Each structure stands twice: as structure tokens, then as C-alpha cells.
Amino acid sequence: MAVKASPIQARVAGIFIPVRDIERAREWYCRILGIVQEPEIMNGHLCPLPVDGPGIILDTMPMWGGQEEGGPSTYETPAAMFPTDDLDAAYRFMQEQQVELATGIEFNHWFAFRDPDGNLLMVVRG
């Protein structure tokens, strides 16, 4: 059976991270990722972060449950990996920032943490 060419590109353009409070989330992610200039909040619910690679868009998800009590569902498995050249320094930094750490450093290669909305994310040796 011949495989038909797909009009969908085999790459990720962006990742949406569900948040309850877009301004609080923007401040937190900018602090944790070292983003100096706060990005614009668009349409009252979207905040694209200026990062290398696939885009990260913070979103209160009004179309996907964000207006319901408790806000949108969060990621219970790691949604994104952020690379670091110094895993130990990254772990200490997260401790100093009082970020909720979900794991210790695992296999000398990664650790997981939660954002203020409870989304599980990861830092990996880059």
C-alpha cells in the first residue's frame, strides 16, 4: 500500500501550556526561564513566550474548559523539556525560586517540576 503524502509538516510549531491566571503565569515563566522583557498577552488569554525551538504559549484555554471552575486541565505527565548545561545549578536555582520539585535529579540526566498551575515539566541535561 502506497503512503499518501501528508499536507501536515513533521515538526512541532508550538506547545500550549494551560494556566489559570495569565499574568501570574507570564511572570513566573519569565523569572524561571530568564526572559527579561515580558511578552505581550494577546486576546486576554494567550502569551507566547520568546524561546528557541518550538514556541511555548501560555493559555487560559477559554475554549477548552478554562472558564469552568478550577480552570483548564493541567499536564500530569511532562509536557515540555527545558535543556540546561548545568543540571546541578538548575536544580539549586529551582530550589532557591521555591519551585515545586516533583523529583530529584534522576539518572544524572533530568528532574521534573511543577508550575504554579500544577503542570508537570522537565529540565534535562542539554
Foldseek 3Di string as FASTA:
>chain_A
DDDDDDPDDPFAQAFEFADQQVVVLQVQVCVLVVPDDRADAPPRFWGWDPDPGHIYIYGQPPVAQSVPPLTHDAAPDAREEAEDQDAVVSQVVCVVVVWAWPDDCPPVFKTWTADPSGHIHMYTHD
